[in-house]
Amino acid sequence: MYWTYAEFWHPGTRKAVLEQWGGDGRYGLGETTSPGENCGQVDQFFWLPDGRSWHEGHRTVEDGDIYITDTFDIDANDVWTQSGSFTWHREGATTVE
């Protein structure tokens, strides 16, 4: 599946907005924030064409050539429960351990 993204500053809400459209008709809408240095957070709602929906979040930390993204399910009480974690390495980067 492919995704189309649009991220922009909303002057009315004074927030960074992220919209996503999936090739299968799903749609995501949320906001991005920066809760700390070298850290980004996305809080989004998604809808499928049949009306089903869910709420999820991502937190990404940049550490040089390594990016760690943790994914979360967010419940109706706004409780974030981790559902996955991904480590990304910049292509061509030398990793020293």
N, C-alpha and C. Protein backbone atom coordinates (compact mmCIF):
# COMPACT_ATOMS: atom_id res chain seq x y z
N MET A 1 0.85 -1.17 0.00
CA MET A 1 0.00 0.00 0.00
C MET A 1 0.90 1.24 0.00
N TYR A 2 0.52 2.22 -0.73
CA TYR A 2 1.25 3.48 -0.76
C TYR A 2 0.51 4.51 0.10
N TRP A 3 1.25 5.51 0.56
CA TRP A 3 0.69 6.59 1.37
C TRP A 3 1.03 7.93 0.76
N THR A 4 0.10 8.85 0.88
CA THR A 4 0.34 10.25 0.54
C THR A 4 0.24 11.03 1.85
N TYR A 5 1.18 11.93 2.07
CA TYR A 5 1.23 12.69 3.32
C TYR A 5 1.15 14.18 3.03
N ALA A 6 0.57 14.91 3.96
CA ALA A 6 0.63 16.37 3.96
C ALA A 6 0.84 16.80 5.41
N GLU A 7 1.86 17.58 5.63
CA GLU A 7 2.09 18.12 6.97
C GLU A 7 2.23 19.63 6.84
N PHE A 8 1.54 20.35 7.71
CA PHE A 8 1.53 21.81 7.59
C PHE A 8 1.23 22.44 8.94
N TRP A 9 1.55 23.72 9.03
CA TRP A 9 1.26 24.50 10.22
C TRP A 9 -0.14 25.08 10.08
N HIS A 10 -1.01 24.80 11.05
CA HIS A 10 -2.37 25.33 11.04
C HIS A 10 -2.37 26.65 11.81
N PRO A 11 -2.56 27.78 11.13
CA PRO A 11 -2.46 29.07 11.82
C PRO A 11 -3.57 29.31 12.82
N GLY A 12 -4.72 28.66 12.65
CA GLY A 12 -5.82 28.85 13.59
C GLY A 12 -5.61 28.14 14.91
N THR A 13 -5.17 26.87 14.84
CA THR A 13 -4.94 26.10 16.07
C THR A 13 -3.51 26.24 16.58
N ARG A 14 -2.63 26.80 15.73
CA ARG A 14 -1.21 26.96 16.05
C ARG A 14 -0.57 25.61 16.38
N LYS A 15 -0.90 24.61 15.56
CA LYS A 15 -0.36 23.26 15.72
C LYS A 15 0.10 22.73 14.36
N ALA A 16 1.05 21.79 14.41
CA ALA A 16 1.48 21.11 13.19
C ALA A 16 0.52 19.95 12.92
N VAL A 17 -0.11 19.96 11.76
CA VAL A 17 -1.13 18.97 11.40
C VAL A 17 -0.53 17.98 10.42
N LEU A 18 -0.87 16.70 10.58
CA LEU A 18 -0.44 15.65 9.67
C LEU A 18 -1.67 14.94 9.14
N GLU A 19 -1.79 14.89 7.81
CA GLU A 19 -2.84 14.13 7.15
C GLU A 19 -2.19 13.02 6.33
N GLN A 20 -2.83 11.86 6.28
CA GLN A 20 -2.36 10.74 5.48
C GLN A 20 -3.52 10.13 4.72
N TRP A 21 -3.25 9.72 3.47
CA TRP A 21 -4.23 9.02 2.66
C TRP A 21 -3.59 7.73 2.20
N GLY A 22 -4.23 6.60 2.48
CA GLY A 22 -3.71 5.30 2.07
C GLY A 22 -4.32 4.86 0.75
N GLY A 23 -3.57 4.05 0.01
CA GLY A 23 -4.03 3.56 -1.28
C GLY A 23 -5.31 2.75 -1.20
N ASP A 24 -5.62 2.20 -0.03
CA ASP A 24 -6.85 1.41 0.13
C ASP A 24 -8.02 2.25 0.62
N GLY A 25 -7.85 3.59 0.67
CA GLY A 25 -8.95 4.47 1.07
C GLY A 25 -8.91 4.90 2.52
N ARG A 26 -7.95 4.41 3.31
CA ARG A 26 -7.91 4.86 4.70
C ARG A 26 -7.39 6.29 4.78
N TYR A 27 -7.79 6.97 5.85
CA TYR A 27 -7.46 8.38 6.04
C TYR A 27 -6.99 8.58 7.47
N GLY A 28 -5.92 9.35 7.67
CA GLY A 28 -5.42 9.66 8.99
C GLY A 28 -5.31 11.15 9.19
N LEU A 29 -5.63 11.60 10.40
CA LEU A 29 -5.56 13.02 10.74
C LEU A 29 -5.07 13.15 12.17
N GLY A 30 -4.08 14.01 12.37
CA GLY A 30 -3.58 14.21 13.72
C GLY A 30 -2.62 15.37 13.77
N GLU A 31 -1.83 15.38 14.83
CA GLU A 31 -0.87 16.46 14.97
C GLU A 31 0.50 15.90 15.35
N THR A 32 1.51 16.67 15.02
CA THR A 32 2.87 16.32 15.40
C THR A 32 3.38 17.33 16.41
N THR A 33 4.15 16.84 17.36
CA THR A 33 4.76 17.68 18.37
C THR A 33 6.21 17.24 18.57
N SER A 34 6.93 18.03 19.31
CA SER A 34 8.31 17.70 19.65
C SER A 34 8.44 17.74 21.17
N PRO A 35 8.23 16.59 21.84
CA PRO A 35 8.25 16.59 23.30
C PRO A 35 9.64 16.72 23.92
N GLY A 36 10.68 16.67 23.10
CA GLY A 36 12.03 16.79 23.64
C GLY A 36 13.03 16.96 22.51
N GLU A 37 14.28 17.17 22.88
CA GLU A 37 15.33 17.33 21.89
C GLU A 37 15.50 16.04 21.09
N ASN A 38 15.59 16.17 19.77
CA ASN A 38 15.77 15.03 18.85
C ASN A 38 14.62 14.02 18.93
N CYS A 39 13.45 14.48 19.34
CA CYS A 39 12.31 13.58 19.51
C CYS A 39 11.08 14.18 18.82
N GLY A 40 10.35 13.35 18.11
CA GLY A 40 9.10 13.76 17.48
C GLY A 40 7.98 12.84 17.89
N GLN A 41 6.78 13.36 17.96
CA GLN A 41 5.62 12.56 18.34
C GLN A 41 4.47 12.85 17.40
N VAL A 42 3.76 11.79 17.00
CA VAL A 42 2.58 11.90 16.16
C VAL A 42 1.41 11.26 16.90
N ASP A 43 0.29 11.96 16.96
CA ASP A 43 -0.94 11.48 17.60
C ASP A 43 -2.03 11.58 16.53
N GLN A 44 -2.52 10.41 16.03
CA GLN A 44 -3.45 10.41 14.90
C GLN A 44 -4.65 9.50 15.10
N PHE A 45 -5.74 9.93 14.47
CA PHE A 45 -6.91 9.09 14.31
C PHE A 45 -6.93 8.61 12.86
N PHE A 46 -7.36 7.36 12.64
CA PHE A 46 -7.47 6.79 11.31
C PHE A 46 -8.89 6.27 11.09
N TRP A 47 -9.34 6.36 9.83
CA TRP A 47 -10.64 5.85 9.44
C TRP A 47 -10.50 5.02 8.18
N LEU A 48 -11.25 3.91 8.13
CA LEU A 48 -11.33 3.09 6.92
C LEU A 48 -12.57 3.49 6.14
N PRO A 49 -12.65 3.15 4.85
CA PRO A 49 -13.83 3.51 4.06
C PRO A 49 -15.14 2.99 4.64
N ASP A 50 -15.10 1.87 5.38
CA ASP A 50 -16.34 1.32 5.95
C ASP A 50 -16.73 1.97 7.28
N GLY A 51 -15.95 2.97 7.72
CA GLY A 51 -16.29 3.70 8.94
C GLY A 51 -15.54 3.26 10.19
N ARG A 52 -14.87 2.11 10.17
CA ARG A 52 -14.09 1.70 11.34
C ARG A 52 -12.97 2.70 11.58
N SER A 53 -12.60 2.86 12.85
CA SER A 53 -11.57 3.85 13.17
C SER A 53 -10.72 3.36 14.34
N TRP A 54 -9.58 4.01 14.52
CA TRP A 54 -8.71 3.74 15.65
C TRP A 54 -7.83 4.95 15.89
N HIS A 55 -7.15 4.94 17.02
CA HIS A 55 -6.31 6.05 17.46
C HIS A 55 -4.93 5.47 17.72
N GLU A 56 -3.89 6.05 17.15
CA GLU A 56 -2.55 5.53 17.37
C GLU A 56 -1.54 6.66 17.45
N GLY A 57 -0.38 6.32 17.98
CA GLY A 57 0.69 7.31 18.13
C GLY A 57 2.03 6.71 17.79
N HIS A 58 2.97 7.60 17.48
CA HIS A 58 4.35 7.22 17.21
C HIS A 58 5.27 8.21 17.92
N ARG A 59 6.33 7.70 18.49
CA ARG A 59 7.39 8.55 19.05
C ARG A 59 8.70 8.13 18.40
N THR A 60 9.41 9.09 17.85
CA THR A 60 10.67 8.81 17.18
C THR A 60 11.78 9.62 17.83
N VAL A 61 12.88 8.93 18.13
CA VAL A 61 14.06 9.57 18.69
C VAL A 61 15.19 9.43 17.67
N GLU A 62 15.84 10.55 17.37
CA GLU A 62 16.97 10.55 16.46
C GLU A 62 18.25 10.53 17.28
N ASP A 63 19.14 9.59 16.96
CA ASP A 63 20.42 9.49 17.65
C ASP A 63 21.50 9.32 16.59
N GLY A 64 21.91 10.43 15.98
CA GLY A 64 22.90 10.36 14.91
C GLY A 64 22.30 9.71 13.68
N ASP A 65 22.85 8.59 13.27
CA ASP A 65 22.37 7.87 12.10
C ASP A 65 21.33 6.79 12.43
N ILE A 66 20.86 6.77 13.66
CA ILE A 66 19.88 5.78 14.11
C ILE A 66 18.60 6.51 14.52
N TYR A 67 17.46 5.97 14.07
CA TYR A 67 16.15 6.49 14.45
C TYR A 67 15.37 5.34 15.09
N ILE A 68 14.83 5.57 16.26
CA ILE A 68 14.03 4.56 16.94
C ILE A 68 12.60 5.06 16.99
N THR A 69 11.69 4.29 16.42
CA THR A 69 10.28 4.66 16.40
C THR A 69 9.50 3.65 17.23
N ASP A 70 8.82 4.11 18.27
CA ASP A 70 7.93 3.28 19.07
C ASP A 70 6.50 3.60 18.64
N THR A 71 5.69 2.56 18.46
CA THR A 71 4.30 2.73 18.06
C THR A 71 3.39 2.41 19.25
N PHE A 72 2.24 3.08 19.28
CA PHE A 72 1.33 2.95 20.42
C PHE A 72 -0.12 2.87 19.96
N ASP A 73 -0.90 2.05 20.64
CA ASP A 73 -2.36 2.10 20.55
C ASP A 73 -2.79 3.10 21.62
N ILE A 74 -3.76 3.97 21.30
CA ILE A 74 -4.24 4.96 22.26
C ILE A 74 -5.71 4.69 22.52
N ASP A 75 -6.06 4.47 23.79
CA ASP A 75 -7.45 4.13 24.10
C ASP A 75 -8.31 5.38 24.32
N ALA A 76 -9.57 5.16 24.64
CA ALA A 76 -10.53 6.26 24.80
C ALA A 76 -10.17 7.19 25.95
N ASN A 77 -9.35 6.72 26.91
CA ASN A 77 -8.91 7.55 28.03
C ASN A 77 -7.56 8.22 27.75
N ASP A 78 -7.11 8.16 26.50
CA ASP A 78 -5.85 8.74 26.06
C ASP A 78 -4.64 8.06 26.71
N VAL A 79 -4.77 6.77 27.03
CA VAL A 79 -3.66 5.99 27.56
C VAL A 79 -2.92 5.35 26.40
N TRP A 80 -1.59 5.59 26.35
CA TRP A 80 -0.75 5.08 25.28
C TRP A 80 -0.15 3.74 25.72
N THR A 81 -0.42 2.68 24.93
CA THR A 81 0.12 1.35 25.20
C THR A 81 1.01 0.96 24.02
N GLN A 82 2.28 0.70 24.32
CA GLN A 82 3.22 0.40 23.24
C GLN A 82 2.82 -0.87 22.51
N SER A 83 2.84 -0.80 21.18
CA SER A 83 2.45 -1.94 20.35
C SER A 83 3.57 -2.40 19.42
N GLY A 84 4.67 -1.66 19.38
CA GLY A 84 5.78 -2.06 18.54
C GLY A 84 6.94 -1.09 18.66
N SER A 85 8.08 -1.49 18.08
CA SER A 85 9.25 -0.63 18.07
C SER A 85 10.07 -0.98 16.84
N PHE A 86 10.59 0.04 16.18
CA PHE A 86 11.39 -0.14 14.97
C PHE A 86 12.66 0.68 15.11
N THR A 87 13.77 0.11 14.67
CA THR A 87 15.03 0.84 14.65
C THR A 87 15.45 1.01 13.20
N TRP A 88 15.70 2.25 12.82
CA TRP A 88 16.05 2.60 11.45
C TRP A 88 17.50 3.06 11.43
N HIS A 89 18.27 2.62 10.44
CA HIS A 89 19.65 3.04 10.27
C HIS A 89 19.76 3.77 8.94
N ARG A 90 20.42 4.93 8.98
CA ARG A 90 20.62 5.70 7.75
C ARG A 90 21.43 4.86 6.76
N GLU A 91 20.94 4.78 5.54
CA GLU A 91 21.62 4.01 4.50
C GLU A 91 23.02 4.57 4.28
N GLY A 92 24.00 3.67 4.25
CA GLY A 92 25.38 4.07 4.03
C GLY A 92 26.10 4.51 5.29
N ALA A 93 25.38 4.56 6.42
CA ALA A 93 26.00 4.98 7.65
C ALA A 93 26.82 3.84 8.25
N THR A 94 27.89 4.17 8.92
CA THR A 94 28.70 3.19 9.60
C THR A 94 28.23 3.12 11.05
N THR A 95 27.83 1.93 11.49
CA THR A 95 27.35 1.75 12.86
C THR A 95 28.47 1.15 13.69
N VAL A 96 28.81 1.80 14.77
CA VAL A 96 29.85 1.30 15.69
C VAL A 96 29.14 0.85 16.96
N GLU A 97 29.43 -0.38 17.35
CA GLU A 97 28.79 -0.89 18.56
C GLU A 97 29.82 -1.24 19.60
